[in-house]
Amino acid sequence: MIEKLKLKSQKQFELIDITEQVKSAVSKSGLKNGTVTVFTPHTTASVRLNHNEPLLLQDLMKMLYRLVPIDENYSHDLFEIRTGIKANERSNGHAHVKAFLLGSSETVPVENGQMLLGDRQSIFFVELDGAREREAVVSVTDGG
């Protein structure tokens, strides 16, 4: 079963907790044992697992900005020499690099209809180039 979650980010960088929406998709699927994969089809977003604690989320944001600063000169943002540019193209080389480092999906085992997340684990959609409308794809797979 595949379910597409519609999301709306509010900030340029944002961690959106989608754990409950993913739990709901697993429940609706009737899956007893298997896996659930959450994937983003966007090249400037990510899906990650971590603790939903505001100060930790702030630390993660600071770390990403230190590793991949917005104000660097990214070749991707040189519109005067790039080809195939869309009219509404953003200067977002930094967001592409961050997404490349973070990855686009997470897979969680499901046992007896429950995701086997750790006590403090949450599933996050990581917006790296907002604010905008986004999508996360939830794929529930039977373990056989």
C-alpha atoms as a PDB file:
ATOM      1  CA  MET A   1       0.000   0.000   0.000  1.00  0.00           C
ATOM      2  CA  ILE A   2       1.198   3.501  -0.812  1.00  0.00           C
ATOM      3  CA  GLU A   3      -0.094   6.683   0.783  1.00  0.00           C
ATOM      4  CA  LYS A   4       1.047  10.182  -0.143  1.00  0.00           C
ATOM      5  CA  LEU A   5       1.182  12.689   2.694  1.00  0.00           C
ATOM      6  CA  LYS A   6       0.596  16.303   1.706  1.00  0.00           C
ATOM      7  CA  LEU A   7       2.730  18.691   3.757  1.00  0.00           C
ATOM      8  CA  LYS A   8       3.118  22.478   3.892  1.00  0.00           C
ATOM      9  CA  SER A   9       6.354  23.796   5.304  1.00  0.00           C
ATOM     10  CA  GLN A  10       6.339  27.234   6.905  1.00  0.00           C
ATOM     11  CA  LYS A  11      10.079  27.990   7.082  1.00  0.00           C
ATOM     12  CA  GLN A  12      13.206  27.780   4.955  1.00  0.00           C
ATOM     13  CA  PHE A  13      14.531  25.026   7.265  1.00  0.00           C
ATOM     14  CA  GLU A  14      12.011  22.994   9.227  1.00  0.00           C
ATOM     15  CA  LEU A  15      11.701  19.580  10.842  1.00  0.00           C
ATOM     16  CA  ILE A  16       8.100  18.378  10.560  1.00  0.00           C
ATOM     17  CA  ASP A  17       7.158  15.427  12.779  1.00  0.00           C
ATOM     18  CA  ILE A  18       5.118  13.060  10.599  1.00  0.00           C
ATOM     19  CA  THR A  19       5.178  10.074  12.972  1.00  0.00           C
ATOM     20  CA  GLU A  20       1.423  10.072  13.617  1.00  0.00           C
ATOM     21  CA  GLN A  21       0.569  10.274   9.896  1.00  0.00           C
ATOM     22  CA  VAL A  22       2.872   7.310   9.213  1.00  0.00           C
ATOM     23  CA  LYS A  23       1.343   5.334  12.122  1.00  0.00           C
ATOM     24  CA  SER A  24      -2.079   6.049  10.644  1.00  0.00           C
ATOM     25  CA  ALA A  25      -0.995   4.759   7.223  1.00  0.00           C
ATOM     26  CA  VAL A  26       0.346   1.551   8.804  1.00  0.00           C
ATOM     27  CA  SER A  27      -2.907   1.101  10.732  1.00  0.00           C
ATOM     28  CA  LYS A  28      -5.083   1.697   7.632  1.00  0.00           C
ATOM     29  CA  SER A  29      -3.045  -0.837   5.676  1.00  0.00           C
ATOM     30  CA  GLY A  30      -3.836  -3.630   8.138  1.00  0.00           C
ATOM     31  CA  LEU A  31      -0.174  -4.703   8.066  1.00  0.00           C
ATOM     32  CA  LYS A  32       0.806  -7.065  10.878  1.00  0.00           C
ATOM     33  CA  ASN A  33       4.492  -7.710  10.111  1.00  0.00           C
ATOM     34  CA  GLY A  34       6.712  -6.047   7.540  1.00  0.00           C
ATOM     35  CA  THR A  35       8.191  -2.626   6.952  1.00  0.00           C
ATOM     36  CA  VAL A  36       7.148   0.929   6.325  1.00  0.00           C
ATOM     37  CA  THR A  37       9.330   3.172   4.204  1.00  0.00           C
ATOM     38  CA  VAL A  38       8.915   6.940   4.125  1.00  0.00           C
ATOM     39  CA  PHE A  39      10.420   8.615   1.059  1.00  0.00           C
ATOM     40  CA  THR A  40      10.572  12.161  -0.254  1.00  0.00           C
ATOM     41  CA  PRO A  41      10.576  12.681  -4.030  1.00  0.00           C
ATOM     42  CA  HIS A  42      12.070  16.160  -3.537  1.00  0.00           C
ATOM     43  CA  THR A  43      15.777  16.894  -4.057  1.00  0.00           C
ATOM     44  CA  THR A  44      15.776  19.659  -1.431  1.00  0.00           C
ATOM     45  CA  ALA A  45      14.150  17.725   1.411  1.00  0.00           C
ATOM     46  CA  SER A  46      14.909  14.652   3.480  1.00  0.00           C
ATOM     47  CA  VAL A  47      13.315  12.079   5.774  1.00  0.00           C
ATOM     48  CA  ARG A  48      15.122  11.268   9.036  1.00  0.00           C
ATOM     49  CA  LEU A  49      14.598   9.586  12.407  1.00  0.00           C
ATOM     50  CA  ASN A  50      15.526  11.290  15.662  1.00  0.00           C
ATOM     51  CA  HIS A  51      14.357  12.572  19.028  1.00  0.00           C
ATOM     52  CA  ASN A  52      11.693  15.305  18.849  1.00  0.00           C
ATOM     53  CA  GLU A  53      13.243  17.605  21.430  1.00  0.00           C
ATOM     54  CA  PRO A  54      13.311  21.318  20.490  1.00  0.00           C
ATOM     55  CA  LEU A  55      16.870  22.046  21.636  1.00  0.00           C
ATOM     56  CA  LEU A  56      18.236  18.993  19.822  1.00  0.00           C
ATOM     57  CA  LEU A  57      16.389  20.040  16.666  1.00  0.00           C
ATOM     58  CA  GLN A  58      17.974  23.480  17.008  1.00  0.00           C
ATOM     59  CA  ASP A  59      21.411  21.825  17.378  1.00  0.00           C
ATOM     60  CA  LEU A  60      20.799  19.781  14.220  1.00  0.00           C
ATOM     61  CA  MET A  61      19.856  22.925  12.312  1.00  0.00           C
ATOM     62  CA  LYS A  62      23.002  24.748  13.508  1.00  0.00           C
ATOM     63  CA  MET A  63      25.192  21.796  12.545  1.00  0.00           C
ATOM     64  CA  LEU A  64      23.726  21.655   9.028  1.00  0.00           C
ATOM     65  CA  TYR A  65      24.219  25.409   8.561  1.00  0.00           C
ATOM     66  CA  ARG A  66      27.860  25.071   9.675  1.00  0.00           C
ATOM     67  CA  LEU A  67      28.515  22.116   7.350  1.00  0.00           C
ATOM     68  CA  VAL A  68      26.656  23.591   4.377  1.00  0.00           C
ATOM     69  CA  PRO A  69      26.279  27.376   4.727  1.00  0.00           C
ATOM     70  CA  ILE A  70      23.638  29.140   2.662  1.00  0.00           C
ATOM     71  CA  ASP A  71      25.965  31.961   1.611  1.00  0.00           C
ATOM     72  CA  GLU A  72      28.612  29.811  -0.128  1.00  0.00           C
ATOM     73  CA  ASN A  73      29.043  30.149  -3.886  1.00  0.00           C
ATOM     74  CA  TYR A  74      27.360  26.973  -5.147  1.00  0.00           C
ATOM     75  CA  SER A  75      27.876  26.215  -8.826  1.00  0.00           C
ATOM     76  CA  HIS A  76      24.241  25.085  -8.983  1.00  0.00           C
ATOM     77  CA  ASP A  77      23.226  28.696  -8.318  1.00  0.00           C
ATOM     78  CA  LEU A  78      25.162  30.149 -11.283  1.00  0.00           C
ATOM     79  CA  PHE A  79      22.086  30.676 -13.432  1.00  0.00           C
ATOM     80  CA  GLU A  80      24.018  32.581 -16.093  1.00  0.00           C
ATOM     81  CA  ILE A  81      25.931  29.407 -17.077  1.00  0.00           C
ATOM     82  CA  ARG A  82      23.451  26.659 -16.164  1.00  0.00           C
ATOM     83  CA  THR A  83      21.151  25.126 -18.743  1.00  0.00           C
ATOM     84  CA  GLY A  84      17.569  23.921 -18.411  1.00  0.00           C
ATOM     85  CA  ILE A  85      16.569  26.488 -15.802  1.00  0.00           C
ATOM     86  CA  LYS A  86      12.879  26.893 -14.965  1.00  0.00           C
ATOM     87  CA  ALA A  87      11.355  30.364 -14.680  1.00  0.00           C
ATOM     88  CA  ASN A  88      10.782  29.997 -10.923  1.00  0.00           C
ATOM     89  CA  GLU A  89      14.224  28.494 -10.145  1.00  0.00           C
ATOM     90  CA  ARG A  90      15.559  29.214  -6.652  1.00  0.00           C
ATOM     91  CA  SER A  91      19.141  29.738  -5.495  1.00  0.00           C
ATOM     92  CA  ASN A  92      19.143  26.537  -3.479  1.00  0.00           C
ATOM     93  CA  GLY A  93      22.447  24.765  -4.042  1.00  0.00           C
ATOM     94  CA  HIS A  94      22.849  24.572  -0.261  1.00  0.00           C
ATOM     95  CA  ALA A  95      19.554  22.685   0.085  1.00  0.00           C
ATOM     96  CA  HIS A  96      20.514  20.119  -2.565  1.00  0.00           C
ATOM     97  CA  VAL A  97      23.848  19.462  -0.822  1.00  0.00           C
ATOM     98  CA  LYS A  98      22.166  19.058   2.583  1.00  0.00           C
ATOM     99  CA  ALA A  99      19.583  16.676   1.121  1.00  0.00           C
ATOM    100  CA  PHE A 100      22.354  14.634  -0.506  1.00  0.00           C
ATOM    101  CA  LEU A 101      24.082  14.278   2.875  1.00  0.00           C
ATOM    102  CA  LEU A 102      20.891  13.420   4.773  1.00  0.00           C
ATOM    103  CA  GLY A 103      19.237  11.008   2.345  1.00  0.00           C
ATOM    104  CA  SER A 104      15.703  10.710   1.032  1.00  0.00           C
ATOM    105  CA  SER A 105      14.111   7.861   3.011  1.00  0.00           C
ATOM    106  CA  GLU A 106      13.835   5.865   6.222  1.00  0.00           C
ATOM    107  CA  THR A 107      12.567   2.314   6.704  1.00  0.00           C
ATOM    108  CA  VAL A 108      11.068   1.115   9.994  1.00  0.00           C
ATOM    109  CA  PRO A 109      10.195  -2.498  10.859  1.00  0.00           C
ATOM    110  CA  VAL A 110       6.576  -3.250  11.772  1.00  0.00           C
ATOM    111  CA  GLU A 111       5.669  -6.048  14.188  1.00  0.00           C
ATOM    112  CA  ASN A 112       2.132  -6.914  15.279  1.00  0.00           C
ATOM    113  CA  GLY A 113       0.879  -3.785  13.506  1.00  0.00           C
ATOM    114  CA  GLN A 114       3.219  -1.436  15.424  1.00  0.00           C
ATOM    115  CA  MET A 115       6.254   0.441  14.156  1.00  0.00           C
ATOM    116  CA  LEU A 116       9.344  -0.608  16.098  1.00  0.00           C
ATOM    117  CA  LEU A 117      10.551   2.923  16.774  1.00  0.00           C
ATOM    118  CA  GLY A 118      12.706   3.570  19.829  1.00  0.00           C
ATOM    119  CA  ASP A 119      11.087   5.277  22.830  1.00  0.00           C
ATOM    120  CA  ARG A 120      12.218   8.706  21.687  1.00  0.00           C
ATOM    121  CA  GLN A 121      12.334   8.219  17.934  1.00  0.00           C
ATOM    122  CA  SER A 122      10.142  10.283  15.661  1.00  0.00           C
ATOM    123  CA  ILE A 123       9.941  10.383  11.881  1.00  0.00           C
ATOM    124  CA  PHE A 124      10.744  13.795  10.439  1.00  0.00           C
ATOM    125  CA  PHE A 125      10.200  15.344   7.062  1.00  0.00           C
ATOM    126  CA  VAL A 126      13.159  17.724   6.810  1.00  0.00           C
ATOM    127  CA  GLU A 127      12.430  20.844   4.778  1.00  0.00           C
ATOM    128  CA  LEU A 128      15.639  22.385   3.441  1.00  0.00           C
ATOM    129  CA  ASP A 129      14.233  24.902   0.932  1.00  0.00           C
ATOM    130  CA  GLY A 130      10.859  26.109   2.203  1.00  0.00           C
ATOM    131  CA  ALA A 131       8.290  27.405   2.660  1.00  0.00           C
ATOM    132  CA  ARG A 132       6.344  25.343   0.123  1.00  0.00           C
ATOM    133  CA  GLU A 133       3.971  22.465  -0.467  1.00  0.00           C
ATOM    134  CA  ARG A 134       5.628  19.067  -0.232  1.00  0.00           C
ATOM    135  CA  GLU A 135       4.879  15.371  -0.322  1.00  0.00           C
ATOM    136  CA  ALA A 136       6.108  12.338   1.602  1.00  0.00           C
ATOM    137  CA  VAL A 137       5.424   8.881   0.182  1.00  0.00           C
ATOM    138  CA  VAL A 138       4.611   6.141   2.713  1.00  0.00           C
ATOM    139  CA  SER A 139       5.066   2.594   1.413  1.00  0.00           C
ATOM    140  CA  VAL A 140       3.823  -0.244   3.628  1.00  0.00           C
ATOM    141  CA  THR A 141       5.234  -3.662   2.689  1.00  0.00           C
ATOM    142  CA  ASP A 142       4.169  -7.074   3.992  1.00  0.00           C
ATOM    143  CA  GLY A 143       7.008  -9.124   5.431  1.00  0.00           C
ATOM    144  CA  GLY A 144       5.498 -12.363   4.173  1.00  0.00           C
END
